[in-house]
Amino acid sequence: MAQRWKQKPPNSNWGEFGPDDQRGRMNYVTREKVLQGVAEVKEGRTFCLSLPLDYPGGNVLNPRRNPPRLAPTIRDGKQAFCFPLSEVFAGVTDIVCDDQVLLALQYSTQWDSLAHVGGKFDADGDGKPEIVFYNGFRGGEDVKPAPEKPGAEPWAKYEGARADALGIQNLAEHGAQGRGVMVDLHAHFGRERKAIGYDALMRLMDKDKVVVEKGDFVCFYTGFVDVILELKKNPDPKLIHNTCTGLEGRDDKLLQWITDSGCAALIADNYAVEIIPASPFKPMAHALMPLHEHCLFKNGIHLGEIWYLTELARWLREHGRNRFLLTAPPLRLPGAVGSPAAAVATV
């Protein structure tokens, strides 16, 4: 297909993997990278890296995302839960349960697809910015809002919006498995509310002998999810928005390091990997979430958020390690812009 853009955003890698690419830096996760991850398995011990899907509870973190609603399916007008099939097939003894869920895909432990954040940018070079996403895919053409359905239930009012390009299925189909690298921010900063820039991150990584290489999944343990669990699905707004570390997305040196490192994805146990907002706005047009812009929009780097990294981070520190095999498939749900992450680490 012909290239979708005449000019690309500064500090972006559009076109690096071809004009049709929808996987971004997951292309760096090759067979060799998977084998590197497998080589980190010494004990055969596994760690669940996801929260229960009904955490954090309520909608304090994001008012547009609500807890999952679980309900049985309906069979012959009755709930298909502890349902005797003898009511349908005479003489059989089976009892069945069958359920369904209304789920905000980025409510709990999640992956962001490359369609999650785009930008207004003059990709055509005609002086008029348009809505574009990674690699020049277009809002309204490739990532499509839905027409309003008056009178529909709130969740179905805009049913049909979908990412025909850059949807989360691309990550699922590639296989989200490779070498994970843990950066333990909590061990150095505790629950201090602090935006971590390049200089602080380099000092910490040097002290802990953490090395990030091309194609690695880089994980940041901040302790934020521990706070969520302690609040037991009743998050305190003041506390939840003023605790623990995150990356400083407005630090240009940090963004350059993300580019230079070759990392395939950034993952954290906090709300957005970066702290929003972390510093005063620039006196010009700018992104509210500069790390999201740099990773998802400009460089095709997937982001993982609200992961449960506590037990893994502690075990790695106790054993003088920081690398592991990460297996973290999203749902293979075509057109979705995010997904729960059923992630597992093996050490």
C-alpha atoms as a PDB file:
ATOM      1  CA  MET A   1       0.000   0.000   0.000  1.00  0.00           C
ATOM      2  CA  ALA A   2       1.184   3.537  -0.690  1.00  0.00           C
ATOM      3  CA  GLN A   3       2.604   5.467   2.229  1.00  0.00           C
ATOM      4  CA  ARG A   4      -0.158   7.239   4.186  1.00  0.00           C
ATOM      5  CA  TRP A   5       1.836  10.344   5.039  1.00  0.00           C
ATOM      6  CA  LYS A   6       4.065  12.909   3.394  1.00  0.00           C
ATOM      7  CA  GLN A   7       5.672  13.981   6.644  1.00  0.00           C
ATOM      8  CA  LYS A   8       5.932  12.167   9.934  1.00  0.00           C
ATOM      9  CA  PRO A   9       5.986  13.547  13.487  1.00  0.00           C
ATOM     10  CA  PRO A  10       9.390  14.493  14.907  1.00  0.00           C
ATOM     11  CA  ASN A  11      11.133  11.719  16.841  1.00  0.00           C
ATOM     12  CA  SER A  12       8.876   9.062  15.325  1.00  0.00           C
ATOM     13  CA  ASN A  13       9.659   5.795  13.554  1.00  0.00           C
ATOM     14  CA  TRP A  14       6.794   5.787  11.047  1.00  0.00           C
ATOM     15  CA  GLY A  15       7.675   3.638   8.068  1.00  0.00           C
ATOM     16  CA  GLU A  16      10.464   1.708   9.814  1.00  0.00           C
ATOM     17  CA  PHE A  17       8.551  -1.562   9.441  1.00  0.00           C
ATOM     18  CA  GLY A  18       6.794  -0.684   6.184  1.00  0.00           C
ATOM     19  CA  PRO A  19       3.779   1.454   5.238  1.00  0.00           C
ATOM     20  CA  ASP A  20       1.247  -1.176   6.325  1.00  0.00           C
ATOM     21  CA  ASP A  21       2.769  -2.031   9.698  1.00  0.00           C
ATOM     22  CA  GLN A  22       0.356  -2.234  12.642  1.00  0.00           C
ATOM     23  CA  ARG A  23       2.617  -3.918  15.213  1.00  0.00           C
ATOM     24  CA  GLY A  24       5.213  -1.242  15.832  1.00  0.00           C
ATOM     25  CA  ARG A  25       8.155  -2.250  17.971  1.00  0.00           C
ATOM     26  CA  MET A  26       6.657  -5.649  18.665  1.00  0.00           C
ATOM     27  CA  ASN A  27       8.478  -6.396  15.411  1.00  0.00           C
ATOM     28  CA  TYR A  28      11.622  -6.397  17.571  1.00  0.00           C
ATOM     29  CA  VAL A  29      10.225  -9.366  19.517  1.00  0.00           C
ATOM     30  CA  THR A  30      11.694 -12.001  17.232  1.00  0.00           C
ATOM     31  CA  ARG A  31      12.133 -15.730  17.714  1.00  0.00           C
ATOM     32  CA  GLU A  32      15.536 -14.955  19.208  1.00  0.00           C
ATOM     33  CA  LYS A  33      13.964 -12.593  21.774  1.00  0.00           C
ATOM     34  CA  VAL A  34      11.466 -15.256  22.804  1.00  0.00           C
ATOM     35  CA  LEU A  35      14.346 -17.694  23.293  1.00  0.00           C
ATOM     36  CA  GLN A  36      16.125 -15.088  25.417  1.00  0.00           C
ATOM     37  CA  GLY A  37      13.044 -14.942  27.602  1.00  0.00           C
ATOM     38  CA  VAL A  38      12.855 -18.723  27.841  1.00  0.00           C
ATOM     39  CA  ALA A  39      16.542 -18.796  28.851  1.00  0.00           C
ATOM     40  CA  GLU A  40      15.649 -16.725  31.948  1.00  0.00           C
ATOM     41  CA  VAL A  41      13.562 -19.598  33.316  1.00  0.00           C
ATOM     42  CA  LYS A  42      15.652 -21.267  36.020  1.00  0.00           C
ATOM     43  CA  GLU A  43      13.152 -22.298  38.717  1.00  0.00           C
ATOM     44  CA  GLY A  44       9.956 -22.999  36.779  1.00  0.00           C
ATOM     45  CA  ARG A  45       8.064 -20.708  39.157  1.00  0.00           C
ATOM     46  CA  THR A  46       5.207 -18.595  37.829  1.00  0.00           C
ATOM     47  CA  PHE A  47       3.726 -15.291  38.978  1.00  0.00           C
ATOM     48  CA  CYS A  48       0.283 -13.959  38.080  1.00  0.00           C
ATOM     49  CA  LEU A  49       0.713 -10.347  36.931  1.00  0.00           C
ATOM     50  CA  SER A  50      -2.942  -9.337  36.682  1.00  0.00           C
ATOM     51  CA  LEU A  51      -5.381  -7.935  39.203  1.00  0.00           C
ATOM     52  CA  PRO A  52      -8.855  -9.380  39.654  1.00  0.00           C
ATOM     53  CA  LEU A  53     -10.851  -7.739  36.876  1.00  0.00           C
ATOM     54  CA  ASP A  54     -13.212  -6.049  39.366  1.00  0.00           C
ATOM     55  CA  TYR A  55     -10.339  -3.984  40.804  1.00  0.00           C
ATOM     56  CA  PRO A  56      -9.666  -1.090  41.446  1.00  0.00           C
ATOM     57  CA  GLY A  57     -13.390  -0.774  42.227  1.00  0.00           C
ATOM     58  CA  GLY A  58     -15.722   2.112  41.489  1.00  0.00           C
ATOM     59  CA  ASN A  59     -14.679   4.630  38.841  1.00  0.00           C
ATOM     60  CA  VAL A  60     -12.374   6.969  40.765  1.00  0.00           C
ATOM     61  CA  LEU A  61      -9.382   6.264  38.515  1.00  0.00           C
ATOM     62  CA  ASN A  62     -11.382   6.966  35.365  1.00  0.00           C
ATOM     63  CA  PRO A  63     -15.026   8.100  35.503  1.00  0.00           C
ATOM     64  CA  ARG A  64     -15.730   6.618  32.058  1.00  0.00           C
ATOM     65  CA  ARG A  65     -14.668   3.112  33.043  1.00  0.00           C
ATOM     66  CA  ASN A  66     -16.898   1.078  35.323  1.00  0.00           C
ATOM     67  CA  PRO A  67     -16.470  -2.324  36.977  1.00  0.00           C
ATOM     68  CA  PRO A  68     -17.471  -5.410  34.993  1.00  0.00           C
ATOM     69  CA  ARG A  69     -21.118  -6.489  35.091  1.00  0.00           C
ATOM     70  CA  LEU A  70     -21.391 -10.268  35.235  1.00  0.00           C
ATOM     71  CA  ALA A  71     -24.675 -12.020  34.477  1.00  0.00           C
ATOM     72  CA  PRO A  72     -25.890 -15.416  33.273  1.00  0.00           C
ATOM     73  CA  THR A  73     -27.041 -15.968  29.735  1.00  0.00           C
ATOM     74  CA  ILE A  74     -30.734 -16.709  29.215  1.00  0.00           C
ATOM     75  CA  ARG A  75     -32.105 -20.079  28.128  1.00  0.00           C
ATOM     76  CA  ASP A  76     -35.803 -20.587  27.506  1.00  0.00           C
ATOM     77  CA  GLY A  77     -36.503 -17.423  29.488  1.00  0.00           C
ATOM     78  CA  LYS A  78     -34.546 -18.613  32.519  1.00  0.00           C
ATOM     79  CA  GLN A  79     -31.054 -17.857  33.721  1.00  0.00           C
ATOM     80  CA  ALA A  80     -28.557 -20.435  32.496  1.00  0.00           C
ATOM     81  CA  PHE A  81     -27.031 -20.878  35.939  1.00  0.00           C
ATOM     82  CA  CYS A  82     -27.400 -24.161  37.804  1.00  0.00           C
ATOM     83  CA  PHE A  83     -29.725 -24.927  34.903  1.00  0.00           C
ATOM     84  CA  PRO A  84     -30.863 -28.592  34.583  1.00  0.00           C
ATOM     85  CA  LEU A  85     -30.662 -29.701  30.976  1.00  0.00           C
ATOM     86  CA  SER A  86     -33.445 -32.139  31.769  1.00  0.00           C
ATOM     87  CA  GLU A  87     -35.773 -29.187  31.161  1.00  0.00           C
ATOM     88  CA  VAL A  88     -34.668 -29.302  27.521  1.00  0.00           C
ATOM     89  CA  PHE A  89     -33.576 -32.903  27.016  1.00  0.00           C
ATOM     90  CA  ALA A  90     -35.634 -35.441  28.923  1.00  0.00           C
ATOM     91  CA  GLY A  91     -33.689 -37.916  30.984  1.00  0.00           C
ATOM     92  CA  VAL A  92     -30.293 -36.149  31.032  1.00  0.00           C
ATOM     93  CA  THR A  93     -28.584 -35.242  34.306  1.00  0.00           C
ATOM     94  CA  ASP A  94     -26.337 -32.356  33.264  1.00  0.00           C
ATOM     95  CA  ILE A  95     -26.433 -29.059  35.149  1.00  0.00           C
ATOM     96  CA  VAL A  96     -24.918 -26.085  33.285  1.00  0.00           C
ATOM     97  CA  CYS A  97     -23.785 -22.564  34.061  1.00  0.00           C
ATOM     98  CA  ASP A  98     -23.174 -20.034  31.292  1.00  0.00           C
ATOM     99  CA  ASP A  99     -22.454 -16.334  31.735  1.00  0.00           C
ATOM    100  CA  GLN A 100     -21.634 -13.079  29.993  1.00  0.00           C
ATOM    101  CA  VAL A 101     -19.966  -9.813  30.956  1.00  0.00           C
ATOM    102  CA  LEU A 102     -20.200  -6.121  30.106  1.00  0.00           C
ATOM    103  CA  LEU A 103     -16.581  -5.098  30.445  1.00  0.00           C
ATOM    104  CA  ALA A 104     -14.619  -1.874  30.103  1.00  0.00           C
ATOM    105  CA  LEU A 105     -11.548  -3.280  28.395  1.00  0.00           C
ATOM    106  CA  GLN A 106      -9.140  -0.906  30.162  1.00  0.00           C
ATOM    107  CA  TYR A 107     -10.687  -0.933  33.621  1.00  0.00           C
ATOM    108  CA  SER A 108      -8.129  -3.148  35.358  1.00  0.00           C
ATOM    109  CA  THR A 109      -4.833  -4.767  34.291  1.00  0.00           C
ATOM    110  CA  GLN A 110      -4.637  -3.793  30.631  1.00  0.00           C
ATOM    111  CA  TRP A 111      -2.808  -3.377  27.357  1.00  0.00           C
ATOM    112  CA  ASP A 112      -3.124  -0.186  25.306  1.00  0.00           C
ATOM    113  CA  SER A 113      -3.279  -0.817  21.577  1.00  0.00           C
ATOM    114  CA  LEU A 114      -1.628   1.560  19.114  1.00  0.00           C
ATOM    115  CA  ALA A 115      -5.114   2.924  18.360  1.00  0.00           C
ATOM    116  CA  HIS A 116      -5.595   4.073  21.956  1.00  0.00           C
ATOM    117  CA  VAL A 117      -3.873   7.455  21.496  1.00  0.00           C
ATOM    118  CA  GLY A 118      -3.349   9.387  18.273  1.00  0.00           C
ATOM    119  CA  GLY A 119      -2.756  13.042  17.582  1.00  0.00           C
ATOM    120  CA  LYS A 120      -3.595  16.042  15.444  1.00  0.00           C
ATOM    121  CA  PHE A 121      -0.722  16.306  13.001  1.00  0.00           C
ATOM    122  CA  ASP A 122      -0.194  17.585   9.464  1.00  0.00           C
ATOM    123  CA  ALA A 123       0.680  14.240   7.930  1.00  0.00           C
ATOM    124  CA  ASP A 124      -0.339  15.436   4.427  1.00  0.00           C
ATOM    125  CA  GLY A 125       2.056  18.372   4.506  1.00  0.00           C
ATOM    126  CA  ASP A 126      -0.653  20.804   3.445  1.00  0.00           C
ATOM    127  CA  GLY A 127      -0.596  22.937   6.585  1.00  0.00           C
ATOM    128  CA  LYS A 128      -3.798  21.423   7.961  1.00  0.00           C
ATOM    129  CA  PRO A 129      -3.502  18.957  10.846  1.00  0.00           C
ATOM    130  CA  GLU A 130      -5.676  15.865  10.666  1.00  0.00           C
ATOM    131  CA  ILE A 131      -6.490  13.117  13.175  1.00  0.00           C
ATOM    132  CA  VAL A 132      -3.891  10.423  12.665  1.00  0.00           C
ATOM    133  CA  PHE A 133      -2.542   7.431  14.535  1.00  0.00           C
ATOM    134  CA  TYR A 134       0.669   5.405  14.424  1.00  0.00           C
ATOM    135  CA  ASN A 135       2.122   5.009  10.934  1.00  0.00           C
ATOM    136  CA  GLY A 136      -0.329   7.523   9.501  1.00  0.00           C
ATOM    137  CA  PHE A 137      -3.562   5.553   9.923  1.00  0.00           C
ATOM    138  CA  ARG A 138      -6.465   7.976   9.796  1.00  0.00           C
ATOM    139  CA  GLY A 139      -9.189   8.859  12.228  1.00  0.00           C
ATOM    140  CA  GLY A 140     -12.582   8.405  10.597  1.00  0.00           C
ATOM    141  CA  GLU A 141     -11.203   6.015   7.974  1.00  0.00           C
ATOM    142  CA  ASP A 142      -9.076   3.426   9.796  1.00  0.00           C
ATOM    143  CA  VAL A 143     -10.129   4.211  13.363  1.00  0.00           C
ATOM    144  CA  LYS A 144     -13.864   4.848  13.102  1.00  0.00           C
ATOM    145  CA  PRO A 145     -16.289   6.496  15.533  1.00  0.00           C
ATOM    146  CA  ALA A 146     -19.828   5.129  15.388  1.00  0.00           C
ATOM    147  CA  PRO A 147     -23.005   7.001  14.471  1.00  0.00           C
ATOM    148  CA  GLU A 148     -25.192   7.754  17.478  1.00  0.00           C
ATOM    149  CA  LYS A 149     -28.124   5.440  18.157  1.00  0.00           C
ATOM    150  CA  PRO A 150     -30.780   7.580  19.868  1.00  0.00           C
ATOM    151  CA  GLY A 151     -32.722   5.749  22.556  1.00  0.00           C
ATOM    152  CA  ALA A 152     -30.185   2.946  22.951  1.00  0.00           C
ATOM    153  CA  GLU A 153     -28.794   1.947  26.337  1.00  0.00           C
ATOM    154  CA  PRO A 154     -25.821   4.150  27.289  1.00  0.00           C
ATOM    155  CA  TRP A 155     -23.259   1.439  26.564  1.00  0.00           C
ATOM    156  CA  ALA A 156     -24.810   0.748  23.153  1.00  0.00           C
ATOM    157  CA  LYS A 157     -25.399   4.360  22.116  1.00  0.00           C
ATOM    158  CA  TYR A 158     -22.241   4.356  19.991  1.00  0.00           C
ATOM    159  CA  GLU A 159     -21.935   0.639  19.427  1.00  0.00           C
ATOM    160  CA  GLY A 160     -19.950  -0.071  16.271  1.00  0.00           C
ATOM    161  CA  ALA A 161     -16.985   2.236  16.877  1.00  0.00           C
ATOM    162  CA  ARG A 162     -13.884   0.226  16.037  1.00  0.00           C
ATOM    163  CA  ALA A 163     -10.250   0.325  15.083  1.00  0.00           C
ATOM    164  CA  ASP A 164     -10.127  -1.304  11.657  1.00  0.00           C
ATOM    165  CA  ALA A 165      -6.393  -0.636  11.872  1.00  0.00           C
ATOM    166  CA  LEU A 166      -4.107  -0.862  14.903  1.00  0.00           C
ATOM    167  CA  GLY A 167      -6.623  -2.845  16.991  1.00  0.00           C
ATOM    168  CA  ILE A 168      -5.437  -4.930  19.933  1.00  0.00           C
ATOM    169  CA  GLN A 169      -5.746  -8.140  17.917  1.00  0.00           C
ATOM    170  CA  ASN A 170      -2.444  -7.260  16.234  1.00  0.00           C
ATOM    171  CA  LEU A 171      -0.617  -7.696  19.541  1.00  0.00           C
ATOM    172  CA  ALA A 172      -2.467 -10.954  20.234  1.00  0.00           C
ATOM    173  CA  GLU A 173      -1.665 -12.356  16.802  1.00  0.00           C
ATOM    174  CA  HIS A 174       2.018 -11.495  17.078  1.00  0.00           C
ATOM    175  CA  GLY A 175       2.217 -13.240  20.442  1.00  0.00           C
ATOM    176  CA  ALA A 176       2.952 -11.075  23.474  1.00  0.00           C
ATOM    177  CA  GLN A 177       5.766 -13.208  24.817  1.00  0.00           C
ATOM    178  CA  GLY A 178       9.439 -12.474  25.344  1.00  0.00           C
ATOM    179  CA  ARG A 179      11.977 -11.267  27.877  1.00  0.00           C
ATOM    180  CA  GLY A 180      10.746  -9.035  30.677  1.00  0.00           C
ATOM    181  CA  VAL A 181      13.031  -6.687  32.602  1.00  0.00           C
ATOM    182  CA  MET A 182      12.031  -5.341  36.027  1.00  0.00           C
ATOM    183  CA  VAL A 183      12.843  -1.801  37.173  1.00  0.00           C
ATOM    184  CA  ASP A 184      12.023  -1.607  40.884  1.00  0.00           C
ATOM    185  CA  LEU A 185      11.128   2.034  41.532  1.00  0.00           C
ATOM    186  CA  HIS A 186       9.395   1.150  44.796  1.00  0.00           C
ATOM    187  CA  ALA A 187      12.604  -0.184  46.361  1.00  0.00           C
ATOM    188  CA  HIS A 188      14.200   3.249  45.958  1.00  0.00           C
ATOM    189  CA  PHE A 189      11.307   5.692  46.372  1.00  0.00           C
ATOM    190  CA  GLY A 190       8.638   3.814  48.312  1.00  0.00           C
ATOM    191  CA  ARG A 191       5.234   5.421  47.904  1.00  0.00           C
ATOM    192  CA  GLU A 192       6.565   8.924  47.354  1.00  0.00           C
ATOM    193  CA  ARG A 193       4.645  10.798  44.673  1.00  0.00           C
ATOM    194  CA  LYS A 194       7.469  11.536  42.270  1.00  0.00           C
ATOM    195  CA  ALA A 195       7.900  11.813  38.518  1.00  0.00           C
ATOM    196  CA  ILE A 196      10.996   9.848  37.519  1.00  0.00           C
ATOM    197  CA  GLY A 197      13.088  11.446  34.797  1.00  0.00           C
ATOM    198  CA  TYR A 198      16.040  10.177  32.834  1.00  0.00           C
ATOM    199  CA  ASP A 199      18.772  11.033  35.332  1.00  0.00           C
ATOM    200  CA  ALA A 200      17.050   9.404  38.306  1.00  0.00           C
ATOM    201  CA  LEU A 201      16.142   6.352  36.228  1.00  0.00           C
ATOM    202  CA  MET A 202      19.703   5.873  34.986  1.00  0.00           C
ATOM    203  CA  ARG A 203      21.117   6.128  38.528  1.00  0.00           C
ATOM    204  CA  LEU A 204      18.620   3.564  39.773  1.00  0.00           C
ATOM    205  CA  MET A 205      19.194   1.145  36.903  1.00  0.00           C
ATOM    206  CA  ASP A 206      22.956   1.437  37.277  1.00  0.00           C
ATOM    207  CA  LYS A 207      22.732   0.710  41.011  1.00  0.00           C
ATOM    208  CA  ASP A 208      20.501  -2.329  40.440  1.00  0.00           C
ATOM    209  CA  LYS A 209      22.499  -3.494  37.395  1.00  0.00           C
ATOM    210  CA  VAL A 210      19.441  -3.354  35.137  1.00  0.00           C
ATOM    211  CA  VAL A 211      20.181  -3.491  31.417  1.00  0.00           C
ATOM    212  CA  VAL A 212      17.473  -2.995  28.793  1.00  0.00           C
ATOM    213  CA  GLU A 213      18.094  -4.344  25.301  1.00  0.00           C
ATOM    214  CA  LYS A 214      16.277  -4.183  21.999  1.00  0.00           C
ATOM    215  CA  GLY A 215      12.974  -6.056  22.055  1.00  0.00           C
ATOM    216  CA  ASP A 216      12.641  -6.265  25.860  1.00  0.00           C
ATOM    217  CA  PHE A 217       9.394  -5.713  27.784  1.00  0.00           C
ATOM    218  CA  VAL A 218      10.325  -3.157  30.458  1.00  0.00           C
ATOM    219  CA  CYS A 219       8.293  -3.316  33.691  1.00  0.00           C
ATOM    220  CA  PHE A 220       8.181  -0.620  36.385  1.00  0.00           C
ATOM    221  CA  TYR A 221       7.117  -1.602  39.897  1.00  0.00           C
ATOM    222  CA  THR A 222       5.912   1.462  41.828  1.00  0.00           C
ATOM    223  CA  GLY A 223       3.692  -0.011  44.565  1.00  0.00           C
ATOM    224  CA  PHE A 224       0.565   1.694  43.196  1.00  0.00           C
ATOM    225  CA  VAL A 225      -1.357  -1.553  42.825  1.00  0.00           C
ATOM    226  CA  ASP A 226      -0.571  -2.420  46.459  1.00  0.00           C
ATOM    227  CA  VAL A 227      -2.447   0.747  47.446  1.00  0.00           C
ATOM    228  CA  ILE A 228      -5.366  -0.269  45.211  1.00  0.00           C
ATOM    229  CA  LEU A 229      -5.556  -3.696  46.852  1.00  0.00           C
ATOM    230  CA  GLU A 230      -5.385  -2.221  50.351  1.00  0.00           C
ATOM    231  CA  LEU A 231      -8.377   0.010  49.572  1.00  0.00           C
ATOM    232  CA  LYS A 232     -10.478  -3.111  48.840  1.00  0.00           C
ATOM    233  CA  LYS A 233     -12.462  -1.788  45.876  1.00  0.00           C
ATOM    234  CA  ASN A 234     -13.270   1.490  47.620  1.00  0.00           C
ATOM    235  CA  PRO A 235     -10.530   3.808  46.324  1.00  0.00           C
ATOM    236  CA  ASP A 236      -9.956   7.155  48.040  1.00  0.00           C
ATOM    237  CA  PRO A 237      -9.711   9.828  45.302  1.00  0.00           C
ATOM    238  CA  LYS A 238      -7.243  12.006  47.207  1.00  0.00           C
ATOM    239  CA  LEU A 239      -4.956   9.089  47.997  1.00  0.00           C
ATOM    240  CA  ILE A 240      -5.182   7.288  44.680  1.00  0.00           C
ATOM    241  CA  HIS A 241      -4.140  10.352  42.670  1.00  0.00           C
ATOM    242  CA  ASN A 242      -1.318  11.382  44.968  1.00  0.00           C
ATOM    243  CA  THR A 243       0.723   8.278  45.639  1.00  0.00           C
ATOM    244  CA  CYS A 244       3.683   6.409  44.154  1.00  0.00           C
ATOM    245  CA  THR A 245       6.023   7.124  41.289  1.00  0.00           C
ATOM    246  CA  GLY A 246       5.605   7.202  37.526  1.00  0.00           C
ATOM    247  CA  LEU A 247       7.714   8.236  34.579  1.00  0.00           C
ATOM    248  CA  GLU A 248       8.196  11.927  33.710  1.00  0.00           C
ATOM    249  CA  GLY A 249       6.752  12.098  30.227  1.00  0.00           C
ATOM    250  CA  ARG A 250       7.886  15.705  29.743  1.00  0.00           C
ATOM    251  CA  ASP A 251      11.551  14.779  30.111  1.00  0.00           C
ATOM    252  CA  ASP A 252      12.905  14.787  26.551  1.00  0.00           C
ATOM    253  CA  LYS A 253      15.995  12.835  27.636  1.00  0.00           C
ATOM    254  CA  LEU A 254      13.777  10.088  29.026  1.00  0.00           C
ATOM    255  CA  LEU A 255      11.767   9.923  25.800  1.00  0.00           C
ATOM    256  CA  GLN A 256      15.000   9.693  23.819  1.00  0.00           C
ATOM    257  CA  TRP A 257      16.161   6.837  26.050  1.00  0.00           C
ATOM    258  CA  ILE A 258      12.913   4.987  25.356  1.00  0.00           C
ATOM    259  CA  THR A 259      13.626   5.376  21.645  1.00  0.00           C
ATOM    260  CA  ASP A 260      17.290   4.404  21.906  1.00  0.00           C
ATOM    261  CA  SER A 261      16.671   1.409  24.186  1.00  0.00           C
ATOM    262  CA  GLY A 262      14.690  -0.427  21.505  1.00  0.00           C
ATOM    263  CA  CYS A 263      12.204  -1.657  24.113  1.00  0.00           C
ATOM    264  CA  ALA A 264       9.133  -3.360  22.680  1.00  0.00           C
ATOM    265  CA  ALA A 265       6.728  -2.244  25.416  1.00  0.00           C
ATOM    266  CA  LEU A 266       6.585  -0.298  28.673  1.00  0.00           C
ATOM    267  CA  ILE A 267       4.564  -1.793  31.526  1.00  0.00           C
ATOM    268  CA  ALA A 268       3.785  -0.469  35.005  1.00  0.00           C
ATOM    269  CA  ASP A 269       1.620  -1.209  37.995  1.00  0.00           C
ATOM    270  CA  ASN A 270       0.402   2.389  38.066  1.00  0.00           C
ATOM    271  CA  TYR A 271      -2.439   4.067  36.192  1.00  0.00           C
ATOM    272  CA  ALA A 272      -0.687   5.354  33.079  1.00  0.00           C
ATOM    273  CA  VAL A 273       3.043   4.470  33.262  1.00  0.00           C
ATOM    274  CA  GLU A 274       3.646   8.230  33.275  1.00  0.00           C
ATOM    275  CA  ILE A 275       2.376  10.705  35.870  1.00  0.00           C
ATOM    276  CA  ILE A 276      -0.323  13.014  34.422  1.00  0.00           C
ATOM    277  CA  PRO A 277       0.366  15.901  34.510  1.00  0.00           C
ATOM    278  CA  ALA A 278       3.925  15.712  35.795  1.00  0.00           C
ATOM    279  CA  SER A 279       5.172  19.249  35.182  1.00  0.00           C
ATOM    280  CA  PRO A 280       3.902  22.624  33.903  1.00  0.00           C
ATOM    281  CA  PHE A 281       2.517  22.674  30.389  1.00  0.00           C
ATOM    282  CA  LYS A 282       4.706  23.901  27.602  1.00  0.00           C
ATOM    283  CA  PRO A 283       3.654  27.315  26.182  1.00  0.00           C
ATOM    284  CA  MET A 284       2.706  25.759  22.830  1.00  0.00           C
ATOM    285  CA  ALA A 285       0.503  23.028  21.420  1.00  0.00           C
ATOM    286  CA  HIS A 286       1.373  19.890  23.343  1.00  0.00           C
ATOM    287  CA  ALA A 287       0.153  16.448  24.381  1.00  0.00           C
ATOM    288  CA  LEU A 288      -1.502  16.019  27.763  1.00  0.00           C
ATOM    289  CA  MET A 289       0.114  12.565  27.922  1.00  0.00           C
ATOM    290  CA  PRO A 290       3.528  13.011  26.286  1.00  0.00           C
ATOM    291  CA  LEU A 291       4.772   9.508  27.022  1.00  0.00           C
ATOM    292  CA  HIS A 292       1.621   8.023  25.505  1.00  0.00           C
ATOM    293  CA  GLU A 293       2.123  10.263  22.491  1.00  0.00           C
ATOM    294  CA  HIS A 294       5.778   9.246  22.158  1.00  0.00           C
ATOM    295  CA  CYS A 295       5.112   5.535  22.581  1.00  0.00           C
ATOM    296  CA  LEU A 296       1.727   4.787  21.009  1.00  0.00           C
ATOM    297  CA  PHE A 297       1.419   7.526  18.407  1.00  0.00           C
ATOM    298  CA  LYS A 298       4.997   8.142  17.331  1.00  0.00           C
ATOM    299  CA  ASN A 299       6.900   4.891  17.856  1.00  0.00           C
ATOM    300  CA  GLY A 300       4.485   1.974  18.047  1.00  0.00           C
ATOM    301  CA  ILE A 301       5.423   0.979  21.607  1.00  0.00           C
ATOM    302  CA  HIS A 302       2.584  -0.749  23.458  1.00  0.00           C
ATOM    303  CA  LEU A 303       1.839   0.292  27.042  1.00  0.00           C
ATOM    304  CA  GLY A 304       0.677  -1.960  29.871  1.00  0.00           C
ATOM    305  CA  GLU A 305      -1.015  -0.399  32.896  1.00  0.00           C
ATOM    306  CA  ILE A 306      -2.234  -1.415  36.369  1.00  0.00           C
ATOM    307  CA  TRP A 307      -0.330  -4.710  36.320  1.00  0.00           C
ATOM    308  CA  TYR A 308       0.233  -6.679  39.522  1.00  0.00           C
ATOM    309  CA  LEU A 309       4.029  -6.738  39.773  1.00  0.00           C
ATOM    310  CA  THR A 310       4.487  -6.909  43.559  1.00  0.00           C
ATOM    311  CA  GLU A 311       5.308 -10.565  44.196  1.00  0.00           C
ATOM    312  CA  LEU A 312       7.479 -10.848  41.100  1.00  0.00           C
ATOM    313  CA  ALA A 313       9.457  -7.693  41.922  1.00  0.00           C
ATOM    314  CA  ARG A 314      10.091  -8.857  45.483  1.00  0.00           C
ATOM    315  CA  TRP A 315      11.178 -12.311  44.379  1.00  0.00           C
ATOM    316  CA  LEU A 316      13.537 -10.934  41.749  1.00  0.00           C
ATOM    317  CA  ARG A 317      15.147  -8.531  44.239  1.00  0.00           C
ATOM    318  CA  GLU A 318      15.555 -11.265  46.857  1.00  0.00           C
ATOM    319  CA  HIS A 319      17.289 -13.459  44.297  1.00  0.00           C
ATOM    320  CA  GLY A 320      19.463 -10.767  42.724  1.00  0.00           C
ATOM    321  CA  ARG A 321      17.696 -10.940  39.371  1.00  0.00           C
ATOM    322  CA  ASN A 322      15.725  -8.570  37.160  1.00  0.00           C
ATOM    323  CA  ARG A 323      14.928 -10.626  34.038  1.00  0.00           C
ATOM    324  CA  PHE A 324      12.221 -13.201  33.393  1.00  0.00           C
ATOM    325  CA  LEU A 325      10.011 -14.782  30.743  1.00  0.00           C
ATOM    326  CA  LEU A 326       6.884 -12.703  30.181  1.00  0.00           C
ATOM    327  CA  THR A 327       3.763 -14.195  28.602  1.00  0.00           C
ATOM    328  CA  ALA A 328       0.997 -11.596  28.349  1.00  0.00           C
ATOM    329  CA  PRO A 329      -1.613 -12.125  25.641  1.00  0.00           C
ATOM    330  CA  PRO A 330      -4.421  -9.610  25.229  1.00  0.00           C
ATOM    331  CA  LEU A 331      -7.841 -10.695  24.022  1.00  0.00           C
ATOM    332  CA  ARG A 332      -7.889 -11.360  20.299  1.00  0.00           C
ATOM    333  CA  LEU A 333     -10.799  -8.971  19.884  1.00  0.00           C
ATOM    334  CA  PRO A 334     -10.758  -7.356  16.425  1.00  0.00           C
ATOM    335  CA  GLY A 335     -11.333  -3.622  16.450  1.00  0.00           C
ATOM    336  CA  ALA A 336     -10.762  -3.067  20.178  1.00  0.00           C
ATOM    337  CA  VAL A 337      -8.381  -0.325  21.312  1.00  0.00           C
ATOM    338  CA  GLY A 338      -7.452  -2.006  24.593  1.00  0.00           C
ATOM    339  CA  SER A 339      -7.701  -5.309  26.393  1.00  0.00           C
ATOM    340  CA  PRO A 340      -7.330  -6.976  29.752  1.00  0.00           C
ATOM    341  CA  ALA A 341      -3.898  -8.575  30.053  1.00  0.00           C
ATOM    342  CA  ALA A 342      -3.787 -12.144  31.360  1.00  0.00           C
ATOM    343  CA  ALA A 343      -0.078 -11.869  32.118  1.00  0.00           C
ATOM    344  CA  VAL A 344       2.223 -14.461  33.655  1.00  0.00           C
ATOM    345  CA  ALA A 345       5.922 -14.236  34.522  1.00  0.00           C
ATOM    346  CA  THR A 346       8.099 -17.350  34.731  1.00  0.00           C
ATOM    347  CA  VAL A 347      11.474 -17.293  36.503  1.00  0.00           C
END
